[in-house]
Amino acid sequence: MKFINIGGGNMVALERVVALSSPESAPIKRLVSEAKDEGRVIDASCGRRTRTVIFTDSDHVILSALRTETISNRLYDSDAAEAEEADTDE
């Protein structure tokens, strides 16, 4: 199982991430609010401003202080490294 750093020393399982989103739009704010009411929010922003909302396959919503592009690049870099590793195994 591979993990990616989402800031503040927090990690999330790579294969559990379904979507990344900016927290600025009204629909995303509504989804975060509903998830808070249901106890499905994990606030990994460490008291800083939320810059990314991460949705998981277990319906948890994770709040991160890192920019969406930063986390996306880390996801992409992890996938690229995994594909490169698979090529060298053959």
N, C-alpha and C. Protein backbone atom coordinates (compact mmCIF):
# COMPACT_ATOMS: atom_id res chain seq x y z
N MET A 1 0.85 -1.17 0.00
CA MET A 1 0.00 0.00 0.00
C MET A 1 0.90 1.23 0.00
N LYS A 2 0.66 2.15 -0.95
CA LYS A 2 1.45 3.36 -1.04
C LYS A 2 0.68 4.54 -0.45
N PHE A 3 1.43 5.45 0.15
CA PHE A 3 0.86 6.63 0.77
C PHE A 3 1.45 7.88 0.13
N ILE A 4 0.67 8.97 0.15
CA ILE A 4 1.20 10.26 -0.28
C ILE A 4 1.04 11.25 0.86
N ASN A 5 1.98 12.17 0.95
CA ASN A 5 1.97 13.19 1.98
C ASN A 5 0.98 14.28 1.58
N ILE A 6 0.05 14.60 2.48
CA ILE A 6 -0.93 15.65 2.20
C ILE A 6 -0.70 16.88 3.07
N GLY A 7 0.50 16.98 3.66
CA GLY A 7 0.87 18.14 4.45
C GLY A 7 0.72 17.91 5.94
N GLY A 8 1.51 18.64 6.69
CA GLY A 8 1.44 18.56 8.15
C GLY A 8 1.83 17.21 8.71
N GLY A 9 2.60 16.44 7.97
CA GLY A 9 3.00 15.11 8.41
C GLY A 9 1.91 14.08 8.26
N ASN A 10 0.86 14.41 7.53
CA ASN A 10 -0.27 13.49 7.33
C ASN A 10 -0.14 12.77 5.99
N MET A 11 -0.60 11.54 5.96
CA MET A 11 -0.52 10.72 4.76
C MET A 11 -1.89 10.13 4.46
N VAL A 12 -2.11 9.84 3.17
CA VAL A 12 -3.35 9.18 2.76
C VAL A 12 -2.98 8.06 1.81
N ALA A 13 -3.73 6.95 1.88
CA ALA A 13 -3.47 5.81 1.01
C ALA A 13 -3.79 6.19 -0.43
N LEU A 14 -2.82 6.00 -1.29
CA LEU A 14 -2.92 6.40 -2.69
C LEU A 14 -4.13 5.78 -3.39
N GLU A 15 -4.35 4.49 -3.18
CA GLU A 15 -5.44 3.82 -3.91
C GLU A 15 -6.83 4.14 -3.37
N ARG A 16 -6.92 4.86 -2.25
CA ARG A 16 -8.22 5.23 -1.69
C ARG A 16 -8.73 6.57 -2.20
N VAL A 17 -7.85 7.36 -2.83
CA VAL A 17 -8.23 8.69 -3.32
C VAL A 17 -9.09 8.56 -4.58
N VAL A 18 -10.26 9.21 -4.54
CA VAL A 18 -11.17 9.20 -5.68
C VAL A 18 -11.09 10.53 -6.42
N ALA A 19 -11.06 11.65 -5.68
CA ALA A 19 -11.07 12.96 -6.33
C ALA A 19 -10.40 14.01 -5.44
N LEU A 20 -9.86 15.03 -6.10
CA LEU A 20 -9.31 16.21 -5.43
C LEU A 20 -10.11 17.41 -5.91
N SER A 21 -10.37 18.35 -5.02
CA SER A 21 -11.14 19.51 -5.43
C SER A 21 -10.73 20.73 -4.62
N SER A 22 -10.93 21.88 -5.22
CA SER A 22 -10.74 23.15 -4.51
C SER A 22 -11.96 23.36 -3.62
N PRO A 23 -11.79 23.92 -2.44
CA PRO A 23 -12.92 24.10 -1.53
C PRO A 23 -13.75 25.35 -1.77
N GLU A 24 -13.50 26.05 -2.86
CA GLU A 24 -14.12 27.36 -3.08
C GLU A 24 -15.55 27.33 -3.59
N SER A 25 -15.95 26.31 -4.33
CA SER A 25 -17.29 26.32 -4.94
C SER A 25 -18.37 25.95 -3.92
N ALA A 26 -19.56 26.44 -4.17
CA ALA A 26 -20.69 26.18 -3.28
C ALA A 26 -21.03 24.69 -3.15
N PRO A 27 -21.02 23.92 -4.25
CA PRO A 27 -21.33 22.49 -4.10
C PRO A 27 -20.31 21.74 -3.23
N ILE A 28 -19.04 22.10 -3.36
CA ILE A 28 -18.01 21.44 -2.54
C ILE A 28 -18.17 21.85 -1.08
N LYS A 29 -18.46 23.13 -0.84
CA LYS A 29 -18.70 23.59 0.54
C LYS A 29 -19.89 22.84 1.15
N ARG A 30 -20.91 22.60 0.34
CA ARG A 30 -22.09 21.86 0.81
C ARG A 30 -21.73 20.42 1.14
N LEU A 31 -20.94 19.77 0.27
CA LEU A 31 -20.52 18.39 0.53
C LEU A 31 -19.68 18.30 1.80
N VAL A 32 -18.78 19.25 2.01
CA VAL A 32 -17.95 19.25 3.22
C VAL A 32 -18.83 19.46 4.46
N SER A 33 -19.77 20.38 4.37
CA SER A 33 -20.67 20.64 5.49
C SER A 33 -21.51 19.40 5.85
N GLU A 34 -22.03 18.73 4.83
CA GLU A 34 -22.81 17.51 5.07
C GLU A 34 -21.93 16.42 5.69
N ALA A 35 -20.70 16.29 5.19
CA ALA A 35 -19.79 15.28 5.72
C ALA A 35 -19.43 15.59 7.18
N LYS A 36 -19.28 16.88 7.52
CA LYS A 36 -19.00 17.26 8.91
C LYS A 36 -20.16 16.85 9.81
N ASP A 37 -21.38 17.11 9.34
CA ASP A 37 -22.58 16.75 10.12
C ASP A 37 -22.66 15.26 10.36
N GLU A 38 -22.18 14.47 9.39
CA GLU A 38 -22.23 13.01 9.49
C GLU A 38 -20.98 12.40 10.11
N GLY A 39 -20.00 13.22 10.45
CA GLY A 39 -18.77 12.73 11.08
C GLY A 39 -17.81 12.03 10.12
N ARG A 40 -17.84 12.42 8.85
CA ARG A 40 -16.98 11.77 7.85
C ARG A 40 -15.81 12.65 7.42
N VAL A 41 -15.59 13.79 8.10
CA VAL A 41 -14.51 14.70 7.73
C VAL A 41 -13.27 14.42 8.57
N ILE A 42 -12.14 14.39 7.90
CA ILE A 42 -10.83 14.30 8.56
C ILE A 42 -10.12 15.60 8.23
N ASP A 43 -9.91 16.44 9.25
CA ASP A 43 -9.27 17.73 9.04
C ASP A 43 -7.77 17.58 9.24
N ALA A 44 -7.05 17.48 8.12
CA ALA A 44 -5.59 17.34 8.16
C ALA A 44 -4.92 18.66 7.79
N SER A 45 -5.64 19.76 7.94
CA SER A 45 -5.09 21.07 7.57
C SER A 45 -4.25 21.68 8.69
N CYS A 46 -4.27 21.08 9.86
CA CYS A 46 -3.46 21.53 11.00
C CYS A 46 -3.72 22.99 11.35
N GLY A 47 -4.97 23.41 11.28
CA GLY A 47 -5.34 24.77 11.65
C GLY A 47 -5.09 25.81 10.58
N ARG A 48 -4.55 25.40 9.46
CA ARG A 48 -4.31 26.33 8.35
C ARG A 48 -5.53 26.36 7.43
N ARG A 49 -5.51 27.28 6.49
CA ARG A 49 -6.62 27.40 5.53
C ARG A 49 -6.70 26.15 4.65
N THR A 50 -7.90 25.64 4.46
CA THR A 50 -8.10 24.46 3.60
C THR A 50 -7.95 24.88 2.15
N ARG A 51 -7.05 24.19 1.43
CA ARG A 51 -6.82 24.50 0.02
C ARG A 51 -7.21 23.33 -0.89
N THR A 52 -7.36 22.14 -0.31
CA THR A 52 -7.77 20.98 -1.10
C THR A 52 -8.73 20.13 -0.30
N VAL A 53 -9.75 19.63 -0.98
CA VAL A 53 -10.68 18.67 -0.39
C VAL A 53 -10.43 17.35 -1.13
N ILE A 54 -10.14 16.30 -0.36
CA ILE A 54 -9.84 14.99 -0.92
C ILE A 54 -11.02 14.07 -0.61
N PHE A 55 -11.56 13.46 -1.65
CA PHE A 55 -12.66 12.51 -1.48
C PHE A 55 -12.10 11.10 -1.61
N THR A 56 -12.52 10.20 -0.73
CA THR A 56 -12.02 8.82 -0.75
C THR A 56 -13.13 7.85 -1.12
N ASP A 57 -12.73 6.63 -1.42
CA ASP A 57 -13.71 5.60 -1.79
C ASP A 57 -14.53 5.12 -0.59
N SER A 58 -14.13 5.48 0.61
CA SER A 58 -14.89 5.12 1.81
C SER A 58 -15.84 6.24 2.24
N ASP A 59 -16.05 7.23 1.34
CA ASP A 59 -16.92 8.38 1.58
C ASP A 59 -16.41 9.33 2.66
N HIS A 60 -15.13 9.23 3.00
CA HIS A 60 -14.54 10.20 3.90
C HIS A 60 -14.11 11.41 3.09
N VAL A 61 -14.10 12.56 3.74
CA VAL A 61 -13.67 13.80 3.12
C VAL A 61 -12.50 14.31 3.94
N ILE A 62 -11.35 14.50 3.28
CA ILE A 62 -10.13 14.91 3.96
C ILE A 62 -9.81 16.34 3.54
N LEU A 63 -9.55 17.20 4.52
CA LEU A 63 -9.21 18.59 4.25
C LEU A 63 -7.70 18.76 4.40
N SER A 64 -7.07 19.38 3.40
CA SER A 64 -5.62 19.57 3.41
C SER A 64 -5.29 21.03 3.16
N ALA A 65 -4.18 21.50 3.74
CA ALA A 65 -3.71 22.87 3.55
C ALA A 65 -2.85 23.00 2.30
N LEU A 66 -2.48 21.88 1.68
CA LEU A 66 -1.69 21.94 0.45
C LEU A 66 -2.58 22.26 -0.74
N ARG A 67 -1.99 22.91 -1.75
CA ARG A 67 -2.74 23.24 -2.96
C ARG A 67 -3.11 21.96 -3.71
N THR A 68 -4.21 22.02 -4.43
CA THR A 68 -4.69 20.87 -5.21
C THR A 68 -3.63 20.41 -6.21
N GLU A 69 -2.94 21.35 -6.85
CA GLU A 69 -1.92 21.02 -7.84
C GLU A 69 -0.76 20.26 -7.20
N THR A 70 -0.39 20.63 -5.99
CA THR A 70 0.71 19.97 -5.29
C THR A 70 0.37 18.51 -5.02
N ILE A 71 -0.82 18.26 -4.50
CA ILE A 71 -1.23 16.89 -4.21
C ILE A 71 -1.39 16.10 -5.51
N SER A 72 -1.95 16.73 -6.53
CA SER A 72 -2.11 16.08 -7.82
C SER A 72 -0.75 15.66 -8.39
N ASN A 73 0.23 16.54 -8.30
CA ASN A 73 1.58 16.21 -8.77
C ASN A 73 2.16 15.03 -7.99
N ARG A 74 1.91 14.98 -6.70
CA ARG A 74 2.42 13.87 -5.89
C ARG A 74 1.74 12.56 -6.29
N LEU A 75 0.45 12.61 -6.59
CA LEU A 75 -0.27 11.43 -7.06
C LEU A 75 0.29 10.98 -8.40
N TYR A 76 0.51 11.93 -9.31
CA TYR A 76 1.03 11.61 -10.64
C TYR A 76 2.45 11.05 -10.55
N ASP A 77 3.30 11.69 -9.73
CA ASP A 77 4.67 11.21 -9.57
C ASP A 77 4.72 9.81 -9.00
N SER A 78 3.81 9.51 -8.09
CA SER A 78 3.75 8.17 -7.51
C SER A 78 3.32 7.15 -8.55
N ASP A 79 2.33 7.51 -9.38
CA ASP A 79 1.87 6.61 -10.45
C ASP A 79 2.97 6.40 -11.48
N ALA A 80 3.69 7.45 -11.83
CA ALA A 80 4.77 7.34 -12.82
C ALA A 80 5.90 6.46 -12.29
N ALA A 81 6.23 6.62 -11.02
CA ALA A 81 7.28 5.80 -10.41
C ALA A 81 6.85 4.34 -10.37
N GLU A 82 5.58 4.09 -10.09
CA GLU A 82 5.06 2.72 -10.05
C GLU A 82 5.11 2.08 -11.43
N ALA A 83 4.74 2.84 -12.47
CA ALA A 83 4.78 2.32 -13.84
C ALA A 83 6.21 2.05 -14.27
N GLU A 84 7.12 2.93 -13.89
CA GLU A 84 8.54 2.74 -14.23
C GLU A 84 9.09 1.51 -13.53
N GLU A 85 8.67 1.31 -12.28
CA GLU A 85 9.11 0.14 -11.52
C GLU A 85 8.60 -1.15 -12.17
N ALA A 86 7.36 -1.12 -12.66
CA ALA A 86 6.79 -2.29 -13.32
C ALA A 86 7.53 -2.60 -14.62
N ASP A 87 7.98 -1.58 -15.33
CA ASP A 87 8.74 -1.78 -16.57
C ASP A 87 10.09 -2.42 -16.30
N THR A 88 10.73 -2.08 -15.19
CA THR A 88 12.04 -2.63 -14.88
C THR A 88 11.94 -4.06 -14.33
N ASP A 89 10.79 -4.45 -13.84
CA ASP A 89 10.60 -5.80 -13.30
C ASP A 89 10.49 -6.84 -14.40
N GLU A 90 10.13 -6.41 -15.60
CA GLU A 90 9.90 -7.37 -16.70
C GLU A 90 11.15 -7.88 -17.26
